[in-house]
C-alpha atoms as a PDB file:
ATOM      1  CA  UNK A   1     -28.762 -75.630  -4.889  1.00  0.00           C
ATOM      2  CA  UNK A   2     -25.320 -74.951  -3.349  1.00  0.00           C
ATOM      3  CA  UNK A   3     -23.715 -71.549  -3.036  1.00  0.00           C
ATOM      4  CA  UNK A   4     -23.132 -71.245  -6.748  1.00  0.00           C
ATOM      5  CA  UNK A   5     -19.518 -70.261  -6.178  1.00  0.00           C
ATOM      6  CA  UNK A   6     -20.427 -67.004  -4.292  1.00  0.00           C
ATOM      7  CA  UNK A   7     -17.780 -64.847  -3.098  1.00  0.00           C
ATOM      8  CA  UNK A   8     -18.035 -61.355  -1.689  1.00  0.00           C
ATOM      9  CA  UNK A   9     -16.779 -59.786  -5.097  1.00  0.00           C
ATOM     10  CA  UNK A  10     -19.119 -61.925  -7.112  1.00  0.00           C
ATOM     11  CA  UNK A  11     -22.065 -60.717  -4.965  1.00  0.00           C
ATOM     12  CA  UNK A  12     -21.227 -57.124  -5.225  1.00  0.00           C
ATOM     13  CA  UNK A  13     -20.500 -57.258  -8.767  1.00  0.00           C
ATOM     14  CA  UNK A  14     -23.844 -59.037  -9.543  1.00  0.00           C
ATOM     15  CA  UNK A  15     -25.450 -56.435  -7.385  1.00  0.00           C
ATOM     16  CA  UNK A  16     -23.861 -53.776  -9.483  1.00  0.00           C
ATOM     17  CA  UNK A  17     -24.925 -55.602 -12.673  1.00  0.00           C
ATOM     18  CA  UNK A  18     -28.483 -55.883 -11.236  1.00  0.00           C
ATOM     19  CA  UNK A  19     -28.509 -52.088 -10.542  1.00  0.00           C
ATOM     20  CA  UNK A  20     -27.615 -51.412 -14.018  1.00  0.00           C
ATOM     21  CA  UNK A  21     -30.384 -53.185 -15.309  1.00  0.00           C
ATOM     22  CA  UNK A  22     -33.338 -52.358 -12.820  1.00  0.00           C
ATOM     23  CA  UNK A  23     -32.091 -49.386 -11.031  1.00  0.00           C
ATOM     24  CA  UNK A  24     -29.784 -48.919  -7.774  1.00  0.00           C
ATOM     25  CA  UNK A  25     -33.037 -48.326  -5.641  1.00  0.00           C
ATOM     26  CA  UNK A  26     -34.575 -51.540  -6.576  1.00  0.00           C
ATOM     27  CA  UNK A  27     -31.566 -53.764  -5.749  1.00  0.00           C
ATOM     28  CA  UNK A  28     -32.608 -56.038  -2.663  1.00  0.00           C
ATOM     29  CA  UNK A  29     -31.000 -59.051  -1.117  1.00  0.00           C
ATOM     30  CA  UNK A  30     -33.997 -60.959  -2.318  1.00  0.00           C
ATOM     31  CA  UNK A  31     -33.648 -59.900  -6.048  1.00  0.00           C
ATOM     32  CA  UNK A  32     -29.962 -60.731  -5.898  1.00  0.00           C
ATOM     33  CA  UNK A  33     -30.437 -64.083  -4.385  1.00  0.00           C
ATOM     34  CA  UNK A  34     -32.970 -64.903  -7.040  1.00  0.00           C
ATOM     35  CA  UNK A  35     -30.307 -64.109  -9.760  1.00  0.00           C
ATOM     36  CA  UNK A  36     -27.934 -66.739  -8.177  1.00  0.00           C
ATOM     37  CA  UNK A  37     -30.709 -69.235  -7.440  1.00  0.00           C
ATOM     38  CA  UNK A  38     -30.222 -69.231  -3.925  1.00  0.00           C
ATOM     39  CA  UNK A  39     -31.807 -68.412  -0.812  1.00  0.00           C
ATOM     40  CA  UNK A  40     -31.574 -64.900   0.901  1.00  0.00           C
ATOM     41  CA  UNK A  41     -29.799 -66.456   3.763  1.00  0.00           C
ATOM     42  CA  UNK A  42     -26.878 -67.492   1.510  1.00  0.00           C
ATOM     43  CA  UNK A  43     -25.795 -63.890   0.811  1.00  0.00           C
ATOM     44  CA  UNK A  44     -25.530 -63.168   4.433  1.00  0.00           C
ATOM     45  CA  UNK A  45     -22.044 -64.831   4.320  1.00  0.00           C
ATOM     46  CA  UNK A  46     -21.001 -62.204   1.994  1.00  0.00           C
ATOM     47  CA  UNK A  47     -22.574 -59.071   3.083  1.00  0.00           C
ATOM     48  CA  UNK A  48     -23.815 -58.033   6.510  1.00  0.00           C
ATOM     49  CA  UNK A  49     -27.289 -56.387   5.157  1.00  0.00           C
ATOM     50  CA  UNK A  50     -28.748 -54.403   2.358  1.00  0.00           C
ATOM     51  CA  UNK A  51     -26.753 -51.123   3.280  1.00  0.00           C
ATOM     52  CA  UNK A  52     -23.443 -53.088   3.032  1.00  0.00           C
ATOM     53  CA  UNK A  53     -24.315 -54.454  -0.409  1.00  0.00           C
ATOM     54  CA  UNK A  54     -25.106 -50.927  -1.371  1.00  0.00           C
ATOM     55  CA  UNK A  55     -21.931 -49.525  -0.078  1.00  0.00           C
ATOM     56  CA  UNK A  56     -20.029 -52.439  -1.926  1.00  0.00           C
ATOM     57  CA  UNK A  57     -21.879 -51.191  -5.086  1.00  0.00           C
ATOM     58  CA  UNK A  58     -20.767 -47.762  -4.564  1.00  0.00           C
ATOM     59  CA  UNK A  59     -17.134 -48.593  -4.027  1.00  0.00           C
ATOM     60  CA  UNK A  60     -17.425 -50.663  -7.585  1.00  0.00           C
ATOM     61  CA  UNK A  61     -18.721 -47.350  -9.185  1.00  0.00           C
ATOM     62  CA  UNK A  62     -15.834 -45.374  -7.514  1.00  0.00           C
ATOM     63  CA  UNK A  63     -13.459 -47.754  -8.934  1.00  0.00           C
ATOM     64  CA  UNK A  64     -14.941 -47.804 -12.370  1.00  0.00           C
ATOM     65  CA  UNK A  65     -15.053 -43.961 -12.389  1.00  0.00           C
ATOM     66  CA  UNK A  66     -11.467 -43.757 -11.341  1.00  0.00           C
ATOM     67  CA  UNK A  67     -10.488 -46.352 -14.307  1.00  0.00           C
ATOM     68  CA  UNK A  68     -12.155 -44.162 -16.707  1.00  0.00           C
ATOM     69  CA  UNK A  69     -11.581 -40.634 -15.560  1.00  0.00           C
ATOM     70  CA  UNK A  70      -7.783 -40.860 -14.446  1.00  0.00           C
ATOM     71  CA  UNK A  71      -6.596 -42.002 -17.826  1.00  0.00           C
ATOM     72  CA  UNK A  72      -8.677 -39.593 -19.569  1.00  0.00           C
ATOM     73  CA  UNK A  73      -7.355 -36.675 -18.147  1.00  0.00           C
ATOM     74  CA  UNK A  74      -3.669 -37.797 -17.552  1.00  0.00           C
ATOM     75  CA  UNK A  75      -1.044 -35.460 -19.281  1.00  0.00           C
ATOM     76  CA  UNK A  76      -3.854 -32.899 -20.132  1.00  0.00           C
ATOM     77  CA  UNK A  77      -4.501 -29.371 -18.617  1.00  0.00           C
ATOM     78  CA  UNK A  78      -6.996 -26.655 -18.875  1.00  0.00           C
ATOM     79  CA  UNK A  79      -9.710 -27.072 -21.381  1.00  0.00           C
ATOM     80  CA  UNK A  80      -8.323 -30.363 -22.599  1.00  0.00           C
ATOM     81  CA  UNK A  81      -8.515 -31.890 -19.323  1.00  0.00           C
ATOM     82  CA  UNK A  82     -12.009 -30.542 -18.563  1.00  0.00           C
ATOM     83  CA  UNK A  83     -13.346 -31.868 -21.660  1.00  0.00           C
ATOM     84  CA  UNK A  84     -11.835 -35.468 -21.157  1.00  0.00           C
ATOM     85  CA  UNK A  85     -13.075 -35.489 -17.530  1.00  0.00           C
ATOM     86  CA  UNK A  86     -16.550 -34.467 -18.508  1.00  0.00           C
ATOM     87  CA  UNK A  87     -16.751 -37.001 -21.140  1.00  0.00           C
ATOM     88  CA  UNK A  88     -15.596 -39.759 -19.193  1.00  0.00           C
ATOM     89  CA  UNK A  89     -17.939 -38.788 -16.544  1.00  0.00           C
ATOM     90  CA  UNK A  90     -20.973 -38.518 -18.862  1.00  0.00           C
ATOM     91  CA  UNK A  91     -20.124 -41.616 -20.792  1.00  0.00           C
ATOM     92  CA  UNK A  92     -20.121 -43.678 -17.441  1.00  0.00           C
ATOM     93  CA  UNK A  93     -23.108 -42.435 -16.101  1.00  0.00           C
ATOM     94  CA  UNK A  94     -25.028 -43.274 -19.145  1.00  0.00           C
ATOM     95  CA  UNK A  95     -23.703 -46.733 -19.760  1.00  0.00           C
ATOM     96  CA  UNK A  96     -24.095 -47.712 -15.973  1.00  0.00           C
ATOM     97  CA  UNK A  97     -26.789 -45.779 -14.656  1.00  0.00           C
ATOM     98  CA  UNK A  98     -27.378 -48.112 -11.723  1.00  0.00           C
ATOM     99  CA  UNK A  99     -23.529 -48.027 -10.755  1.00  0.00           C
ATOM    100  CA  UNK A 100     -23.617 -44.243 -11.215  1.00  0.00           C
ATOM    101  CA  UNK A 101     -26.645 -43.900  -8.838  1.00  0.00           C
ATOM    102  CA  UNK A 102     -24.681 -45.914  -6.462  1.00  0.00           C
ATOM    103  CA  UNK A 103     -21.891 -43.708  -6.696  1.00  0.00           C
ATOM    104  CA  UNK A 104     -23.910 -40.722  -5.717  1.00  0.00           C
ATOM    105  CA  UNK A 105     -25.028 -42.192  -2.474  1.00  0.00           C
ATOM    106  CA  UNK A 106     -23.784 -41.029   0.797  1.00  0.00           C
ATOM    107  CA  UNK A 107     -21.050 -43.316   2.255  1.00  0.00           C
ATOM    108  CA  UNK A 108     -19.581 -43.591   5.564  1.00  0.00           C
ATOM    109  CA  UNK A 109     -16.699 -41.010   5.658  1.00  0.00           C
ATOM    110  CA  UNK A 110     -14.324 -43.914   6.804  1.00  0.00           C
ATOM    111  CA  UNK A 111     -14.886 -45.703   3.558  1.00  0.00           C
ATOM    112  CA  UNK A 112     -14.350 -42.842   1.438  1.00  0.00           C
ATOM    113  CA  UNK A 113     -11.258 -41.948   3.370  1.00  0.00           C
ATOM    114  CA  UNK A 114      -9.950 -45.620   2.786  1.00  0.00           C
ATOM    115  CA  UNK A 115     -10.965 -45.820  -0.749  1.00  0.00           C
ATOM    116  CA  UNK A 116      -8.022 -45.462  -3.352  1.00  0.00           C
ATOM    117  CA  UNK A 117     -10.525 -45.037  -6.152  1.00  0.00           C
ATOM    118  CA  UNK A 118     -12.030 -41.964  -4.495  1.00  0.00           C
ATOM    119  CA  UNK A 119      -8.771 -40.533  -3.671  1.00  0.00           C
ATOM    120  CA  UNK A 120      -7.808 -40.974  -7.252  1.00  0.00           C
ATOM    121  CA  UNK A 121     -10.803 -39.201  -8.720  1.00  0.00           C
ATOM    122  CA  UNK A 122     -10.439 -36.613  -6.118  1.00  0.00           C
ATOM    123  CA  UNK A 123      -6.814 -36.003  -7.367  1.00  0.00           C
ATOM    124  CA  UNK A 124      -7.799 -36.078 -10.907  1.00  0.00           C
ATOM    125  CA  UNK A 125     -10.357 -33.423 -10.380  1.00  0.00           C
ATOM    126  CA  UNK A 126      -7.993 -31.117  -8.063  1.00  0.00           C
ATOM    127  CA  UNK A 127      -5.272 -31.592 -10.843  1.00  0.00           C
ATOM    128  CA  UNK A 128      -7.720 -30.308 -13.579  1.00  0.00           C
ATOM    129  CA  UNK A 129      -8.486 -27.417 -11.301  1.00  0.00           C
ATOM    130  CA  UNK A 130      -4.947 -26.520 -10.558  1.00  0.00           C
ATOM    131  CA  UNK A 131      -4.436 -26.244 -14.262  1.00  0.00           C
ATOM    132  CA  UNK A 132      -6.832 -23.425 -14.123  1.00  0.00           C
ATOM    133  CA  UNK A 133      -4.752 -21.712 -11.382  1.00  0.00           C
ATOM    134  CA  UNK A 134      -7.205 -22.433  -8.568  1.00  0.00           C
ATOM    135  CA  UNK A 135      -6.250 -23.164  -5.039  1.00  0.00           C
ATOM    136  CA  UNK A 136      -8.305 -23.520  -1.785  1.00  0.00           C
ATOM    137  CA  UNK A 137     -10.835 -22.682  -0.847  1.00  0.00           C
ATOM    138  CA  UNK A 138     -11.835 -22.128  -4.469  1.00  0.00           C
ATOM    139  CA  UNK A 139     -10.985 -25.459  -5.503  1.00  0.00           C
ATOM    140  CA  UNK A 140     -13.593 -26.923  -3.276  1.00  0.00           C
ATOM    141  CA  UNK A 141     -16.200 -24.441  -4.559  1.00  0.00           C
ATOM    142  CA  UNK A 142     -15.317 -25.297  -8.184  1.00  0.00           C
ATOM    143  CA  UNK A 143     -15.555 -29.158  -7.490  1.00  0.00           C
ATOM    144  CA  UNK A 144     -18.960 -28.530  -6.123  1.00  0.00           C
ATOM    145  CA  UNK A 145     -20.066 -26.337  -9.300  1.00  0.00           C
ATOM    146  CA  UNK A 146     -18.535 -29.249 -11.639  1.00  0.00           C
ATOM    147  CA  UNK A 147     -20.244 -32.144  -9.846  1.00  0.00           C
ATOM    148  CA  UNK A 148     -23.528 -30.263  -9.616  1.00  0.00           C
ATOM    149  CA  UNK A 149     -23.467 -29.327 -13.544  1.00  0.00           C
ATOM    150  CA  UNK A 150     -22.414 -32.941 -14.636  1.00  0.00           C
ATOM    151  CA  UNK A 151     -24.633 -34.789 -12.162  1.00  0.00           C
ATOM    152  CA  UNK A 152     -27.486 -32.520 -13.084  1.00  0.00           C
ATOM    153  CA  UNK A 153     -27.165 -32.906 -16.842  1.00  0.00           C
ATOM    154  CA  UNK A 154     -26.378 -36.410 -16.894  1.00  0.00           C
ATOM    155  CA  UNK A 155     -29.411 -37.015 -14.417  1.00  0.00           C
ATOM    156  CA  UNK A 156     -31.814 -35.091 -16.608  1.00  0.00           C
ATOM    157  CA  UNK A 157     -30.462 -36.586 -19.821  1.00  0.00           C
ATOM    158  CA  UNK A 158     -30.745 -40.178 -18.463  1.00  0.00           C
ATOM    159  CA  UNK A 159     -34.423 -39.519 -17.344  1.00  0.00           C
ATOM    160  CA  UNK A 160     -35.437 -38.007 -20.781  1.00  0.00           C
ATOM    161  CA  UNK A 161     -35.660 -34.708 -18.795  1.00  0.00           C
ATOM    162  CA  UNK A 162     -34.543 -32.867 -22.102  1.00  0.00           C
ATOM    163  CA  UNK A 163     -37.549 -32.641 -24.458  1.00  0.00           C
ATOM    164  CA  UNK A 164     -36.381 -29.886 -26.698  1.00  0.00           C
ATOM    165  CA  UNK A 165     -35.415 -31.284 -30.190  1.00  0.00           C
ATOM    166  CA  UNK A 166     -31.829 -29.744 -30.053  1.00  0.00           C
ATOM    167  CA  UNK A 167     -29.324 -32.282 -29.894  1.00  0.00           C
ATOM    168  CA  UNK A 168     -28.440 -33.262 -26.416  1.00  0.00           C
ATOM    169  CA  UNK A 169     -24.651 -33.723 -27.240  1.00  0.00           C
ATOM    170  CA  UNK A 170     -24.501 -30.192 -28.754  1.00  0.00           C
ATOM    171  CA  UNK A 171     -25.918 -28.841 -25.441  1.00  0.00           C
ATOM    172  CA  UNK A 172     -23.310 -30.882 -23.424  1.00  0.00           C
ATOM    173  CA  UNK A 173     -20.489 -29.423 -25.485  1.00  0.00           C
ATOM    174  CA  UNK A 174     -21.703 -25.946 -25.019  1.00  0.00           C
ATOM    175  CA  UNK A 175     -22.129 -26.733 -21.045  1.00  0.00           C
ATOM    176  CA  UNK A 176     -18.427 -27.513 -21.202  1.00  0.00           C
ATOM    177  CA  UNK A 177     -17.567 -24.469 -23.129  1.00  0.00           C
ATOM    178  CA  UNK A 178     -19.260 -22.394 -20.391  1.00  0.00           C
ATOM    179  CA  UNK A 179     -17.695 -24.315 -17.570  1.00  0.00           C
ATOM    180  CA  UNK A 180     -14.485 -23.818 -18.928  1.00  0.00           C
ATOM    181  CA  UNK A 181     -14.944 -20.018 -19.298  1.00  0.00           C
ATOM    182  CA  UNK A 182     -16.268 -19.867 -15.921  1.00  0.00           C
ATOM    183  CA  UNK A 183     -13.061 -21.633 -14.541  1.00  0.00           C
ATOM    184  CA  UNK A 184     -10.674 -19.377 -16.487  1.00  0.00           C
ATOM    185  CA  UNK A 185     -12.438 -16.427 -15.027  1.00  0.00           C
ATOM    186  CA  UNK A 186     -13.080 -17.596 -11.603  1.00  0.00           C
ATOM    187  CA  UNK A 187     -13.957 -14.809  -9.317  1.00  0.00           C
ATOM    188  CA  UNK A 188     -11.349 -13.918  -6.649  1.00  0.00           C
END
């Protein structure tokens, strides 16, 4: 079969879709090539290697997250911004588990620095924190706390780690309330 209309964007998007279906860690060049009905070598015109492919999926994840988070928090401040950010984050992570996992991977710093999507998410997060009156270095610390809380919660939820019968959504709302309280009373 010919190249099946392959482009770099089409290959990366197919890898992101495959990651959502089978898990980011299971995406391989061979699995992707099978999906296109081509030999592995056909993909090397579009990606250098598996790490390059994984980086491309991570960049798609960053773009997708930015497309959810930035509009969700626009025009909001304080708890309203935190709630909107948190829900956009969780909804994305649960709807796109493979892409989400890719977005958590370590990328070369130059890719992150050049990524408009990453910068948009960073700025949305920092704007949210400025609404709580935080400035550096407290903003960096608060970003780390929020990311840890959001990532920990959605990772446990996605893996079935919450076995207690209490509604997970109710726990999520309480976690957001606790984070809001923490941000309002950030230690100086």
